[in-house]
Each structure stands twice: as structure tokens, then as C-alpha cells.
Amino acid sequence: MANHAATKKDVRQSTKRNERNRYYGKTTRNAIRDLKEVDEKKAATEQMPAVAAMIDKLAKRGVIHKNKASNLKSKLARRVNALAK
């Protein structure tokens, strides 16, 4: 690493961003896991918009690819729609 002030600042910023992105990614994965465990259609339907918004935010921030976000939301929607009342 170069010993310049700007380079040191960039390292600090990228470390902070990395920790933040890991936090949001892990939180979203936990929300997806919790949504998959729900057996009632009403509860799953209520949770789905919040989880979809979390996935969209990850894609917007560049943590995951936009196609991966789309695939995740599609799979979750099919799972929620397949639940019995």
C-alpha cells in the first residue's frame, strides 16, 4: 500500500463500506430464511414486501447483482404463492 494520506483514507472508507455491506447482506439473508420458514400464507404475504425491499436495496448498492435480486424475489414470490391458506 502506498503511504499517501488519500490512499490511507480510501482504505478506511472501503473497510467501512465492506462492514456495512456485510451487515446488510447478512440481515437480508436472515430475513429470507425467516420468510422461508413461515407456513401461513397471510404472515408470509405481510413479510414479503419488506424482504423484497431489502433485496432491492442490496442490488441498488451493488452488494448483489440485479439479476440475482430478481431471481431471489421470484423464488420467494413463488414460495409464498404456493402456500396453503
Protein backbone atom coordinates (compact mmCIF):
# COMPACT_ATOMS: atom_id res chain seq x y z
CA MET A 1 0.00 0.00 0.00
CA ALA A 2 1.26 3.43 -0.86
CA ASN A 3 1.96 5.69 2.09
CA HIS A 4 -0.23 8.59 0.95
CA ALA A 5 -2.94 10.22 3.01
CA ALA A 6 -5.51 9.73 0.25
CA THR A 7 -4.69 6.02 -0.01
CA LYS A 8 -5.00 5.55 3.73
CA LYS A 9 -8.36 7.32 3.69
CA ASP A 10 -9.52 5.11 0.80
CA VAL A 11 -8.60 2.02 2.81
CA ARG A 12 -10.57 3.30 5.79
CA GLN A 13 -13.58 4.07 3.61
CA SER A 14 -13.53 0.71 1.83
CA THR A 15 -13.25 -1.13 5.14
CA LYS A 16 -16.24 0.77 6.50
CA ARG A 17 -18.25 0.09 3.33
CA ASN A 18 -17.31 -3.59 3.41
CA GLU A 19 -18.50 -3.98 7.00
CA ARG A 20 -21.73 -2.14 6.22
CA ASN A 21 -22.40 -4.26 3.12
CA ARG A 22 -21.70 -7.46 5.05
CA TYR A 23 -24.16 -6.37 7.74
CA TYR A 24 -26.92 -5.57 5.24
CA GLY A 25 -26.26 -8.79 3.32
CA LYS A 26 -26.39 -10.94 6.44
CA THR A 27 -29.52 -9.18 7.70
CA THR A 28 -31.24 -9.76 4.36
CA ARG A 29 -30.21 -13.43 4.27
CA ASN A 30 -31.66 -13.87 7.75
CA ALA A 31 -34.91 -12.19 6.68
CA ILE A 32 -35.11 -14.51 3.65
CA ARG A 33 -34.51 -17.52 5.87
CA ASP A 34 -37.23 -16.39 8.29
CA LEU A 35 -39.66 -15.85 5.41
CA LYS A 36 -38.98 -19.36 4.09
CA GLU A 37 -39.79 -20.84 7.49
CA VAL A 38 -43.26 -19.23 7.65
CA ASP A 39 -46.06 -21.71 6.98
CA GLU A 40 -49.06 -19.37 6.96
CA LYS A 41 -49.88 -17.55 3.75
CA LYS A 42 -51.16 -14.41 5.49
CA ALA A 43 -48.00 -13.95 7.55
CA ALA A 44 -45.76 -14.65 4.57
CA THR A 45 -47.70 -12.19 2.41
CA GLU A 46 -47.23 -9.49 5.05
CA GLN A 47 -43.46 -10.12 5.29
CA MET A 48 -42.83 -10.37 1.55
CA PRO A 49 -42.78 -6.62 0.68
CA ALA A 50 -40.26 -5.83 3.40
CA VAL A 51 -37.94 -8.65 2.33
CA ALA A 52 -38.26 -7.67 -1.35
CA ALA A 53 -37.33 -4.09 -0.44
CA MET A 54 -34.24 -5.33 1.42
CA ILE A 55 -33.19 -7.37 -1.62
CA ASP A 56 -33.74 -4.37 -3.93
CA LYS A 57 -31.58 -2.19 -1.68
CA LEU A 58 -28.75 -4.71 -1.85
CA ALA A 59 -28.92 -4.68 -5.64
CA LYS A 60 -29.07 -0.87 -5.71
CA ARG A 61 -25.96 -0.65 -3.52
CA GLY A 62 -24.14 -3.19 -5.68
CA VAL A 63 -23.81 -5.79 -2.93
CA ILE A 64 -25.57 -8.35 -5.15
CA HIS A 65 -26.22 -8.32 -8.89
CA LYS A 66 -29.59 -7.06 -10.08
CA ASN A 67 -30.37 -10.41 -11.75
CA LYS A 68 -29.64 -12.26 -8.51
CA ALA A 69 -32.02 -9.92 -6.72
CA SER A 70 -34.67 -10.61 -9.33
CA ASN A 71 -34.15 -14.37 -9.02
CA LEU A 72 -34.38 -14.24 -5.22
CA LYS A 73 -37.60 -12.22 -5.29
CA SER A 74 -39.11 -14.51 -7.91
CA LYS A 75 -38.34 -17.66 -5.93
CA LEU A 76 -39.71 -16.13 -2.74
CA ALA A 77 -42.88 -14.98 -4.52
CA ARG A 78 -43.47 -18.46 -5.94
CA ARG A 79 -42.93 -19.96 -2.49
CA VAL A 80 -45.35 -17.53 -0.83
CA ASN A 81 -47.97 -18.00 -3.53
CA ALA A 82 -47.73 -21.80 -3.22
CA LEU A 83 -48.56 -21.73 0.50
CA ALA A 84 -51.95 -23.05 1.51
CA LYS A 85 -54.29 -20.71 3.36
